[in-house]
């Protein structure tokens, strides 16, 4: 597997995101369907593509912990320790999202955010400077594909751009752990 991506591939993905399109891209976990997490119309395209229930909320990724306060009203102290100490990708669900598309938030206003360290997705987030939706590349309720080759053709055909980087990677990836945080130290492990 090539561990460097083509700059043109990154530029194409960035251009599609800036224009309100949706992309299929590798993340630090499974392949994701992504868009600008602040663009209501772009998020709606993903909801329709996945046949997902509105109000379910989506995971978004960012490139560094320092960006999280821009998108969450209050960050529980526990979050900083979890981000620093997590040995594998961990999505944290914060109680109240802000400055994001309303349809990316769950019905209760919460938002799942993960700091990515994967080469392509981290660079994409750094250059885009805005959180990117990172919902799994499957129809709602269907099995999550663990590599690019397992993604249903219907998904591949309906996005505006398919990232070339890591398409030939045969390693099987798994979804992130998910933990819901409360403002007073309470937490709930949703997925290990």
N, C-alpha and C. Protein backbone atom coordinates (compact mmCIF):
# COMPACT_ATOMS: atom_id res chain seq x y z
N UNK A 1 0.83 -1.19 0.00
CA UNK A 1 0.00 0.00 0.00
C UNK A 1 0.87 1.25 0.00
N UNK A 2 0.51 2.21 -0.82
CA UNK A 2 1.23 3.48 -0.88
C UNK A 2 0.86 4.31 0.35
N UNK A 3 1.86 4.83 1.05
CA UNK A 3 1.56 5.61 2.25
C UNK A 3 1.59 7.11 1.99
N UNK A 4 1.64 7.51 0.72
CA UNK A 4 1.56 8.92 0.34
C UNK A 4 0.40 9.09 -0.63
N UNK A 5 -0.32 10.16 -0.48
CA UNK A 5 -1.42 10.39 -1.41
C UNK A 5 -1.00 11.42 -2.46
N UNK A 6 -1.71 11.41 -3.55
CA UNK A 6 -1.48 12.34 -4.64
C UNK A 6 -2.12 13.68 -4.28
N UNK A 7 -1.37 14.76 -4.40
CA UNK A 7 -1.88 16.09 -4.07
C UNK A 7 -3.11 16.45 -4.90
N UNK A 8 -3.16 15.98 -6.14
CA UNK A 8 -4.31 16.26 -7.00
C UNK A 8 -5.57 15.62 -6.44
N UNK A 9 -5.42 14.43 -5.86
CA UNK A 9 -6.52 13.72 -5.23
C UNK A 9 -7.08 14.58 -4.08
N UNK A 10 -6.19 15.11 -3.27
CA UNK A 10 -6.59 15.98 -2.15
C UNK A 10 -7.28 17.24 -2.66
N UNK A 11 -6.71 17.87 -3.69
CA UNK A 11 -7.29 19.09 -4.24
C UNK A 11 -8.70 18.84 -4.77
N UNK A 12 -8.90 17.73 -5.45
CA UNK A 12 -10.22 17.40 -5.99
C UNK A 12 -11.24 17.25 -4.85
N UNK A 13 -10.84 16.51 -3.81
CA UNK A 13 -11.73 16.31 -2.67
C UNK A 13 -12.08 17.64 -2.00
N UNK A 14 -11.09 18.50 -1.83
CA UNK A 14 -11.31 19.81 -1.22
C UNK A 14 -12.27 20.66 -2.06
N UNK A 15 -12.09 20.63 -3.36
CA UNK A 15 -12.94 21.42 -4.26
C UNK A 15 -14.39 20.97 -4.16
N UNK A 16 -14.61 19.66 -4.13
CA UNK A 16 -15.97 19.13 -4.01
C UNK A 16 -16.59 19.56 -2.67
N UNK A 17 -15.82 19.47 -1.59
CA UNK A 17 -16.32 19.89 -0.28
C UNK A 17 -16.70 21.37 -0.29
N UNK A 18 -15.84 22.20 -0.87
CA UNK A 18 -16.10 23.65 -0.91
C UNK A 18 -17.35 23.97 -1.71
N UNK A 19 -17.65 23.16 -2.72
CA UNK A 19 -18.82 23.40 -3.58
C UNK A 19 -20.09 22.76 -3.02
N UNK A 20 -20.02 22.18 -1.82
CA UNK A 20 -21.21 21.59 -1.21
C UNK A 20 -21.49 20.17 -1.67
N UNK A 21 -20.48 19.52 -2.25
CA UNK A 21 -20.65 18.15 -2.70
C UNK A 21 -20.32 17.14 -1.63
N UNK A 22 -20.47 15.86 -1.98
CA UNK A 22 -20.13 14.78 -1.04
C UNK A 22 -19.05 13.89 -1.63
N UNK A 23 -18.20 13.41 -0.75
CA UNK A 23 -17.06 12.59 -1.16
C UNK A 23 -17.10 11.24 -0.46
N UNK A 24 -16.40 10.29 -1.05
CA UNK A 24 -16.16 8.98 -0.45
C UNK A 24 -14.67 8.94 -0.17
N UNK A 25 -14.29 8.75 1.09
CA UNK A 25 -12.87 8.92 1.43
C UNK A 25 -12.44 8.01 2.59
N UNK A 26 -11.13 7.71 2.64
CA UNK A 26 -10.62 6.90 3.74
C UNK A 26 -10.46 7.75 4.99
N UNK A 27 -10.76 7.14 6.15
CA UNK A 27 -10.58 7.84 7.42
C UNK A 27 -9.65 7.00 8.29
N UNK A 28 -9.55 7.36 9.55
CA UNK A 28 -8.74 6.60 10.50
C UNK A 28 -9.42 5.29 10.88
N UNK A 29 -10.65 5.11 10.43
CA UNK A 29 -11.37 3.85 10.69
C UNK A 29 -11.83 3.31 9.34
N UNK A 30 -13.13 3.17 9.14
CA UNK A 30 -13.66 2.68 7.87
C UNK A 30 -13.77 3.83 6.86
N UNK A 31 -14.03 3.49 5.60
CA UNK A 31 -14.26 4.53 4.59
C UNK A 31 -15.50 5.32 4.98
N UNK A 32 -15.46 6.63 4.71
CA UNK A 32 -16.56 7.49 5.08
C UNK A 32 -17.18 8.20 3.90
N UNK A 33 -18.43 8.58 4.07
CA UNK A 33 -19.08 9.51 3.15
C UNK A 33 -18.98 10.84 3.85
N UNK A 34 -18.45 11.83 3.16
CA UNK A 34 -18.20 13.09 3.83
C UNK A 34 -18.70 14.31 3.09
N UNK A 35 -18.87 15.37 3.85
CA UNK A 35 -19.22 16.68 3.30
C UNK A 35 -18.86 17.71 4.36
N UNK A 36 -19.04 18.96 4.01
CA UNK A 36 -18.86 20.07 4.95
C UNK A 36 -19.91 19.92 6.05
N UNK A 37 -19.48 19.74 7.27
CA UNK A 37 -20.41 19.51 8.38
C UNK A 37 -21.18 20.77 8.78
N UNK A 38 -20.89 21.90 8.14
CA UNK A 38 -21.64 23.12 8.42
C UNK A 38 -22.65 23.44 7.31
N UNK A 39 -22.71 22.60 6.29
CA UNK A 39 -23.55 22.84 5.12
C UNK A 39 -24.80 21.95 5.17
N UNK A 40 -25.95 22.57 5.49
CA UNK A 40 -27.20 21.81 5.66
C UNK A 40 -27.56 21.03 4.40
N UNK A 41 -27.44 21.66 3.23
CA UNK A 41 -27.82 21.00 1.97
C UNK A 41 -26.91 19.80 1.69
N UNK A 42 -25.62 19.93 1.97
CA UNK A 42 -24.68 18.83 1.73
C UNK A 42 -24.98 17.66 2.68
N UNK A 43 -25.25 17.97 3.95
CA UNK A 43 -25.59 16.92 4.91
C UNK A 43 -26.87 16.21 4.48
N UNK A 44 -27.82 16.97 3.97
CA UNK A 44 -29.09 16.38 3.50
C UNK A 44 -28.84 15.38 2.36
N UNK A 45 -27.88 15.69 1.49
CA UNK A 45 -27.54 14.76 0.40
C UNK A 45 -27.08 13.41 0.97
N UNK A 46 -26.29 13.46 2.03
CA UNK A 46 -25.80 12.22 2.65
C UNK A 46 -26.96 11.47 3.31
N UNK A 47 -27.83 12.19 3.99
CA UNK A 47 -28.99 11.55 4.64
C UNK A 47 -29.82 10.80 3.58
N UNK A 48 -30.04 11.45 2.45
CA UNK A 48 -30.81 10.83 1.37
C UNK A 48 -30.07 9.64 0.75
N UNK A 49 -28.78 9.81 0.51
CA UNK A 49 -27.97 8.74 -0.07
C UNK A 49 -27.98 7.49 0.81
N UNK A 50 -27.82 7.68 2.11
CA UNK A 50 -27.76 6.55 3.03
C UNK A 50 -29.15 6.02 3.42
N UNK A 51 -30.20 6.78 3.04
CA UNK A 51 -31.57 6.44 3.46
C UNK A 51 -31.63 6.39 4.99
N UNK A 52 -31.08 7.41 5.58
CA UNK A 52 -30.90 7.50 7.03
C UNK A 52 -32.02 8.30 7.66
N UNK A 53 -32.43 7.93 8.85
CA UNK A 53 -33.44 8.69 9.58
C UNK A 53 -32.89 10.06 9.97
N UNK A 54 -33.66 11.09 9.70
CA UNK A 54 -33.26 12.43 10.12
C UNK A 54 -33.28 12.47 11.65
N UNK A 55 -32.40 13.22 12.23
CA UNK A 55 -32.35 13.35 13.68
C UNK A 55 -31.49 12.31 14.36
N UNK A 56 -30.91 11.40 13.57
CA UNK A 56 -30.05 10.38 14.16
C UNK A 56 -28.67 10.93 14.49
N UNK A 57 -28.27 11.99 13.82
CA UNK A 57 -26.95 12.58 14.06
C UNK A 57 -25.87 11.83 13.31
N UNK A 58 -24.78 12.52 13.05
CA UNK A 58 -23.66 11.92 12.32
C UNK A 58 -22.35 12.24 13.03
N UNK A 59 -21.38 11.41 12.76
CA UNK A 59 -20.04 11.65 13.29
C UNK A 59 -19.33 12.62 12.35
N UNK A 60 -18.60 13.55 12.95
CA UNK A 60 -17.75 14.44 12.17
C UNK A 60 -16.31 14.28 12.67
N UNK A 61 -15.37 14.59 11.78
CA UNK A 61 -13.96 14.51 12.17
C UNK A 61 -13.31 15.88 12.05
N UNK A 62 -12.26 16.05 12.82
CA UNK A 62 -11.44 17.24 12.75
C UNK A 62 -9.99 16.80 12.91
N UNK A 63 -9.07 17.72 12.64
CA UNK A 63 -7.65 17.36 12.63
C UNK A 63 -6.94 17.57 13.96
N UNK A 64 -7.55 18.31 14.87
CA UNK A 64 -6.86 18.58 16.14
C UNK A 64 -7.87 18.89 17.25
N UNK A 65 -7.53 18.52 18.47
CA UNK A 65 -8.44 18.77 19.59
C UNK A 65 -8.78 20.25 19.77
N UNK A 66 -7.85 21.14 19.44
CA UNK A 66 -8.06 22.57 19.62
C UNK A 66 -9.22 23.14 18.83
N UNK A 67 -9.70 22.43 17.83
CA UNK A 67 -10.83 22.92 17.03
C UNK A 67 -12.18 22.57 17.67
N UNK A 68 -12.20 21.61 18.57
CA UNK A 68 -13.46 21.13 19.13
C UNK A 68 -14.27 22.24 19.82
N UNK A 69 -13.66 23.14 20.60
CA UNK A 69 -14.46 24.17 21.27
C UNK A 69 -15.27 25.06 20.32
N UNK A 70 -14.89 25.14 19.06
CA UNK A 70 -15.64 25.93 18.09
C UNK A 70 -16.99 25.30 17.77
N UNK A 71 -17.13 23.99 18.07
CA UNK A 71 -18.30 23.24 17.62
C UNK A 71 -19.08 22.56 18.75
N UNK A 72 -18.66 22.82 19.99
CA UNK A 72 -19.33 22.23 21.15
C UNK A 72 -19.51 23.33 22.19
N UNK A 73 -20.72 23.44 22.76
CA UNK A 73 -21.00 24.52 23.72
C UNK A 73 -20.19 24.39 24.99
N UNK A 74 -20.06 23.17 25.51
CA UNK A 74 -19.27 22.94 26.73
C UNK A 74 -18.59 21.59 26.60
N UNK A 75 -17.32 21.55 26.92
CA UNK A 75 -16.55 20.31 26.81
C UNK A 75 -16.27 19.76 28.19
N UNK A 76 -16.77 18.56 28.48
CA UNK A 76 -16.47 17.94 29.77
C UNK A 76 -14.96 17.74 29.93
N UNK A 77 -14.45 17.96 31.11
CA UNK A 77 -13.00 17.81 31.36
C UNK A 77 -12.50 16.42 30.94
N UNK A 78 -13.31 15.41 31.16
CA UNK A 78 -12.93 14.04 30.82
C UNK A 78 -12.55 13.90 29.34
N UNK A 79 -13.14 14.72 28.48
CA UNK A 79 -12.89 14.62 27.04
C UNK A 79 -11.41 14.79 26.70
N UNK A 80 -10.76 15.76 27.35
CA UNK A 80 -9.35 16.03 27.02
C UNK A 80 -8.48 14.83 27.36
N UNK A 81 -8.74 14.17 28.50
CA UNK A 81 -7.98 12.99 28.88
C UNK A 81 -8.23 11.85 27.90
N UNK A 82 -9.49 11.65 27.54
CA UNK A 82 -9.82 10.57 26.61
C UNK A 82 -9.16 10.77 25.25
N UNK A 83 -9.19 11.99 24.75
CA UNK A 83 -8.56 12.29 23.45
C UNK A 83 -7.07 12.00 23.52
N UNK A 84 -6.44 12.43 24.61
CA UNK A 84 -4.99 12.27 24.75
C UNK A 84 -4.58 10.81 24.95
N UNK A 85 -5.38 10.06 25.68
CA UNK A 85 -4.97 8.71 26.06
C UNK A 85 -5.51 7.59 25.17
N UNK A 86 -6.45 7.91 24.29
CA UNK A 86 -7.05 6.86 23.45
C UNK A 86 -5.99 6.20 22.58
N UNK A 87 -5.96 4.88 22.61
CA UNK A 87 -4.97 4.13 21.83
C UNK A 87 -5.50 3.75 20.45
N UNK A 88 -6.82 3.88 20.26
CA UNK A 88 -7.41 3.63 18.95
C UNK A 88 -8.45 4.71 18.70
N UNK A 89 -8.91 4.86 17.47
CA UNK A 89 -9.87 5.93 17.18
C UNK A 89 -11.09 5.90 18.11
N UNK A 90 -11.41 7.07 18.66
CA UNK A 90 -12.50 7.18 19.61
C UNK A 90 -13.35 8.40 19.26
N UNK A 91 -14.63 8.17 19.03
CA UNK A 91 -15.58 9.25 18.79
C UNK A 91 -16.23 9.59 20.11
N UNK A 92 -16.20 10.87 20.45
CA UNK A 92 -16.84 11.34 21.68
C UNK A 92 -18.11 12.09 21.31
N UNK A 93 -19.20 11.75 21.99
CA UNK A 93 -20.47 12.45 21.77
C UNK A 93 -20.61 13.50 22.86
N UNK A 94 -20.63 14.75 22.40
CA UNK A 94 -20.74 15.89 23.30
C UNK A 94 -22.20 16.32 23.40
N UNK A 95 -22.63 16.85 24.55
CA UNK A 95 -24.04 17.17 24.77
C UNK A 95 -24.64 18.19 23.80
N UNK A 96 -23.95 19.27 23.51
CA UNK A 96 -24.54 20.34 22.72
C UNK A 96 -23.60 20.84 21.64
N UNK A 97 -23.93 20.51 20.39
CA UNK A 97 -23.14 21.01 19.28
C UNK A 97 -23.52 22.44 18.94
N UNK A 98 -22.60 23.14 18.29
CA UNK A 98 -22.87 24.50 17.82
C UNK A 98 -22.08 24.75 16.54
N UNK A 99 -22.48 25.75 15.78
CA UNK A 99 -21.79 26.14 14.55
C UNK A 99 -21.68 25.01 13.53
N UNK A 100 -22.60 24.07 13.58
CA UNK A 100 -22.65 22.96 12.64
C UNK A 100 -24.04 22.94 12.00
N UNK A 101 -24.17 22.27 10.88
CA UNK A 101 -25.48 22.12 10.25
C UNK A 101 -26.43 21.45 11.25
N UNK A 102 -27.64 21.97 11.36
CA UNK A 102 -28.61 21.42 12.31
C UNK A 102 -28.87 19.94 12.06
N UNK A 103 -28.83 19.51 10.79
CA UNK A 103 -29.14 18.12 10.48
C UNK A 103 -27.96 17.17 10.67
N UNK A 104 -26.82 17.67 11.09
CA UNK A 104 -25.71 16.79 11.44
C UNK A 104 -25.78 16.43 12.94
N UNK A 105 -26.53 17.24 13.68
CA UNK A 105 -26.71 17.00 15.12
C UNK A 105 -27.78 15.93 15.33
N UNK A 106 -27.69 15.23 16.44
CA UNK A 106 -28.74 14.28 16.81
C UNK A 106 -29.96 15.07 17.26
N UNK A 107 -31.10 14.41 17.38
CA UNK A 107 -32.35 15.07 17.78
C UNK A 107 -32.24 15.80 19.11
N UNK A 108 -31.32 15.36 19.99
CA UNK A 108 -31.15 16.02 21.30
C UNK A 108 -30.08 17.12 21.27
N UNK A 109 -29.55 17.42 20.09
CA UNK A 109 -28.55 18.48 19.95
C UNK A 109 -27.11 18.01 20.13
N UNK A 110 -26.92 16.73 20.44
CA UNK A 110 -25.56 16.23 20.66
C UNK A 110 -24.84 16.01 19.33
N UNK A 111 -23.52 15.93 19.42
CA UNK A 111 -22.69 15.73 18.23
C UNK A 111 -21.52 14.80 18.54
N UNK A 112 -21.26 13.87 17.63
CA UNK A 112 -20.12 12.97 17.76
C UNK A 112 -18.94 13.54 16.99
N UNK A 113 -17.83 13.74 17.67
CA UNK A 113 -16.62 14.30 17.03
C UNK A 113 -15.44 13.39 17.32
N UNK A 114 -14.65 13.13 16.28
CA UNK A 114 -13.43 12.35 16.43
C UNK A 114 -12.26 13.13 15.84
N UNK A 115 -11.15 13.11 16.53
CA UNK A 115 -9.92 13.72 16.03
C UNK A 115 -9.20 12.63 15.24
N UNK A 116 -9.02 12.85 13.95
CA UNK A 116 -8.39 11.84 13.11
C UNK A 116 -6.88 12.03 13.03
N UNK A 117 -6.17 10.92 12.98
CA UNK A 117 -4.72 10.97 12.79
C UNK A 117 -4.29 10.25 11.52
N UNK A 118 -5.27 9.80 10.73
CA UNK A 118 -4.96 9.13 9.46
C UNK A 118 -4.48 10.18 8.46
N UNK A 119 -3.50 9.82 7.66
CA UNK A 119 -2.81 10.76 6.78
C UNK A 119 -3.74 11.59 5.90
N UNK A 120 -4.58 10.95 5.11
CA UNK A 120 -5.41 11.69 4.16
C UNK A 120 -6.48 12.52 4.87
N UNK A 121 -7.25 11.88 5.75
CA UNK A 121 -8.36 12.60 6.40
C UNK A 121 -7.87 13.74 7.28
N UNK A 122 -6.73 13.56 7.94
CA UNK A 122 -6.18 14.64 8.77
C UNK A 122 -5.75 15.81 7.90
N UNK A 123 -5.08 15.52 6.79
CA UNK A 123 -4.65 16.60 5.88
C UNK A 123 -5.85 17.29 5.28
N UNK A 124 -6.87 16.52 4.92
CA UNK A 124 -8.10 17.08 4.37
C UNK A 124 -8.74 18.05 5.37
N UNK A 125 -8.85 17.63 6.62
CA UNK A 125 -9.43 18.49 7.67
C UNK A 125 -8.57 19.74 7.90
N UNK A 126 -7.27 19.57 7.90
CA UNK A 126 -6.36 20.70 8.11
C UNK A 126 -6.54 21.74 7.02
N UNK A 127 -6.60 21.28 5.79
CA UNK A 127 -6.73 22.20 4.66
C UNK A 127 -8.13 22.79 4.55
N UNK A 128 -9.16 22.02 4.91
CA UNK A 128 -10.54 22.49 4.80
C UNK A 128 -10.90 23.44 5.94
N UNK A 129 -10.27 23.25 7.09
CA UNK A 129 -10.45 24.11 8.27
C UNK A 129 -11.86 24.08 8.86
N UNK A 130 -12.62 23.06 8.53
CA UNK A 130 -13.98 22.89 9.00
C UNK A 130 -14.20 21.40 9.22
N UNK A 131 -14.96 21.00 10.23
CA UNK A 131 -15.22 19.57 10.42
C UNK A 131 -15.88 18.96 9.18
N UNK A 132 -15.57 17.69 8.96
CA UNK A 132 -16.09 16.96 7.80
C UNK A 132 -16.90 15.78 8.32
N UNK A 133 -18.08 15.59 7.75
CA UNK A 133 -18.89 14.43 8.11
C UNK A 133 -18.09 13.17 7.78
N UNK A 134 -18.18 12.17 8.66
CA UNK A 134 -17.46 10.91 8.46
C UNK A 134 -18.39 9.75 8.79
N UNK A 135 -19.53 9.70 8.12
CA UNK A 135 -20.47 8.61 8.34
C UNK A 135 -20.03 7.41 7.50
N UNK A 136 -20.24 6.22 7.98
CA UNK A 136 -19.77 5.02 7.28
C UNK A 136 -20.38 4.91 5.88
N UNK A 137 -19.63 4.34 4.97
CA UNK A 137 -20.01 4.26 3.55
C UNK A 137 -20.93 3.07 3.28
N UNK A 138 -22.10 3.11 3.88
CA UNK A 138 -23.09 2.06 3.70
C UNK A 138 -24.49 2.65 3.77
N UNK A 139 -25.46 1.91 3.26
CA UNK A 139 -26.85 2.33 3.42
C UNK A 139 -27.22 2.08 4.87
N UNK A 140 -28.07 2.92 5.42
CA UNK A 140 -28.47 2.80 6.81
C UNK A 140 -29.01 1.40 7.11
N UNK A 141 -28.48 0.79 8.17
CA UNK A 141 -28.92 -0.54 8.57
C UNK A 141 -28.17 -1.68 7.92
N UNK A 142 -27.37 -1.38 6.90
CA UNK A 142 -26.58 -2.42 6.21
C UNK A 142 -25.21 -2.54 6.88
N UNK A 143 -24.54 -3.65 6.59
CA UNK A 143 -23.22 -3.91 7.16
C UNK A 143 -22.22 -2.83 6.75
N UNK A 144 -21.40 -2.41 7.70
CA UNK A 144 -20.36 -1.41 7.42
C UNK A 144 -19.22 -2.05 6.65
N UNK A 145 -18.86 -1.51 5.48
CA UNK A 145 -17.74 -2.07 4.72
C UNK A 145 -16.42 -1.81 5.45
N UNK A 146 -15.56 -2.82 5.48
CA UNK A 146 -14.29 -2.70 6.20
C UNK A 146 -13.13 -2.30 5.29
N UNK A 147 -13.36 -2.26 3.98
CA UNK A 147 -12.36 -1.81 3.02
C UNK A 147 -13.10 -1.25 1.81
N UNK A 148 -12.39 -0.56 0.94
CA UNK A 148 -13.03 0.09 -0.20
C UNK A 148 -13.78 -0.90 -1.07
N UNK A 149 -13.20 -2.06 -1.29
CA UNK A 149 -13.80 -3.05 -2.19
C UNK A 149 -15.16 -3.55 -1.71
N UNK A 150 -15.44 -3.42 -0.42
CA UNK A 150 -16.72 -3.88 0.14
C UNK A 150 -17.84 -2.83 0.03
N UNK A 151 -17.52 -1.63 -0.44
CA UNK A 151 -18.53 -0.58 -0.54
C UNK A 151 -19.47 -0.88 -1.71
N UNK A 152 -20.76 -0.78 -1.46
CA UNK A 152 -21.75 -1.06 -2.50
C UNK A 152 -21.60 -0.08 -3.66
N UNK A 153 -21.69 -0.58 -4.91
CA UNK A 153 -21.57 0.29 -6.08
C UNK A 153 -22.56 1.47 -6.05
N UNK A 154 -23.75 1.26 -5.49
CA UNK A 154 -24.74 2.34 -5.42
C UNK A 154 -24.21 3.54 -4.64
N UNK A 155 -23.40 3.29 -3.63
CA UNK A 155 -22.79 4.38 -2.86
C UNK A 155 -21.74 5.08 -3.71
N UNK A 156 -20.85 4.28 -4.30
CA UNK A 156 -19.75 4.83 -5.11
C UNK A 156 -20.29 5.70 -6.25
N UNK A 157 -21.36 5.26 -6.87
CA UNK A 157 -21.92 5.96 -8.02
C UNK A 157 -22.63 7.26 -7.65
N UNK A 158 -23.06 7.41 -6.42
CA UNK A 158 -23.88 8.58 -6.06
C UNK A 158 -23.13 9.71 -5.37
N UNK A 159 -21.86 9.51 -5.06
CA UNK A 159 -21.10 10.61 -4.47
C UNK A 159 -20.51 11.47 -5.59
N UNK A 160 -20.08 12.68 -5.24
CA UNK A 160 -19.53 13.59 -6.24
C UNK A 160 -18.05 13.34 -6.53
N UNK A 161 -17.35 12.73 -5.57
CA UNK A 161 -15.93 12.41 -5.81
C UNK A 161 -15.53 11.22 -4.96
N UNK A 162 -14.77 10.30 -5.56
CA UNK A 162 -14.24 9.13 -4.85
C UNK A 162 -12.73 9.31 -4.75
N UNK A 163 -12.24 9.40 -3.54
CA UNK A 163 -10.80 9.56 -3.31
C UNK A 163 -10.08 8.30 -3.78
N UNK A 164 -8.96 8.49 -4.45
CA UNK A 164 -8.19 7.36 -4.99
C UNK A 164 -7.29 6.71 -3.93
N UNK A 165 -6.80 7.54 -3.00
CA UNK A 165 -5.87 7.06 -1.98
C UNK A 165 -6.49 5.92 -1.16
N UNK A 166 -5.75 4.85 -1.00
CA UNK A 166 -6.10 3.67 -0.19
C UNK A 166 -7.21 2.79 -0.78
N UNK A 167 -7.60 3.03 -2.02
CA UNK A 167 -8.61 2.14 -2.62
C UNK A 167 -8.10 0.71 -2.71
N UNK A 168 -6.79 0.55 -2.90
CA UNK A 168 -6.21 -0.79 -3.05
C UNK A 168 -5.75 -1.40 -1.72
N UNK A 169 -6.03 -0.72 -0.64
CA UNK A 169 -5.65 -1.21 0.69
C UNK A 169 -6.58 -2.37 1.07
N UNK A 170 -6.02 -3.54 1.26
CA UNK A 170 -6.85 -4.72 1.55
C UNK A 170 -7.03 -4.96 3.06
N UNK A 171 -6.39 -4.13 3.87
CA UNK A 171 -6.55 -4.27 5.32
C UNK A 171 -8.01 -4.02 5.70
N UNK A 172 -8.52 -4.78 6.63
CA UNK A 172 -9.89 -4.59 7.10
C UNK A 172 -9.88 -3.66 8.30
N UNK A 173 -10.57 -2.54 8.18
CA UNK A 173 -10.64 -1.55 9.24
C UNK A 173 -11.92 -1.75 10.04
N UNK A 174 -11.95 -1.20 11.23
CA UNK A 174 -13.16 -1.29 12.06
C UNK A 174 -13.60 0.11 12.46
N UNK A 175 -14.86 0.23 12.78
CA UNK A 175 -15.41 1.52 13.19
C UNK A 175 -14.79 1.95 14.53
N UNK A 176 -14.87 3.23 14.82
CA UNK A 176 -14.29 3.75 16.05
C UNK A 176 -15.09 3.32 17.27
N UNK A 177 -14.46 3.44 18.41
CA UNK A 177 -15.19 3.33 19.65
C UNK A 177 -16.05 4.59 19.78
N UNK A 178 -17.15 4.49 20.51
CA UNK A 178 -18.01 5.66 20.71
C UNK A 178 -18.34 5.77 22.20
N UNK A 179 -18.15 6.97 22.74
CA UNK A 179 -18.48 7.22 24.14
C UNK A 179 -19.26 8.53 24.24
N UNK A 180 -20.38 8.47 24.95
CA UNK A 180 -21.20 9.66 25.19
C UNK A 180 -20.76 10.28 26.51
N UNK A 181 -20.54 11.59 26.50
CA UNK A 181 -20.08 12.29 27.69
C UNK A 181 -21.16 13.23 28.22
N UNK A 182 -21.25 13.32 29.53
CA UNK A 182 -22.11 14.31 30.18
C UNK A 182 -21.25 15.43 30.70
N UNK A 183 -21.86 16.51 31.10
CA UNK A 183 -21.10 17.68 31.54
C UNK A 183 -20.53 17.55 32.95
N UNK A 184 -20.96 16.53 33.70
CA UNK A 184 -20.54 16.41 35.10
C UNK A 184 -19.75 15.12 35.35
N UNK A 185 -19.01 14.68 34.34
CA UNK A 185 -18.16 13.50 34.51
C UNK A 185 -18.82 12.19 34.19
N UNK A 186 -20.13 12.20 33.92
CA UNK A 186 -20.79 10.94 33.58
C UNK A 186 -20.47 10.57 32.13
N UNK A 187 -20.46 9.28 31.85
CA UNK A 187 -20.17 8.81 30.50
C UNK A 187 -20.88 7.48 30.26
N UNK A 188 -21.04 7.19 28.97
CA UNK A 188 -21.67 5.92 28.57
C UNK A 188 -20.87 5.38 27.38
N UNK A 189 -20.36 4.17 27.52
CA UNK A 189 -19.66 3.52 26.42
C UNK A 189 -20.71 2.93 25.48
N UNK A 190 -20.75 3.43 24.26
CA UNK A 190 -21.75 2.97 23.29
C UNK A 190 -21.19 1.87 22.39
N UNK A 191 -19.92 2.02 22.00
CA UNK A 191 -19.28 0.99 21.16
C UNK A 191 -17.80 0.96 21.48
N UNK A 192 -17.28 -0.25 21.74
CA UNK A 192 -15.85 -0.37 22.06
C UNK A 192 -15.00 -0.35 20.83
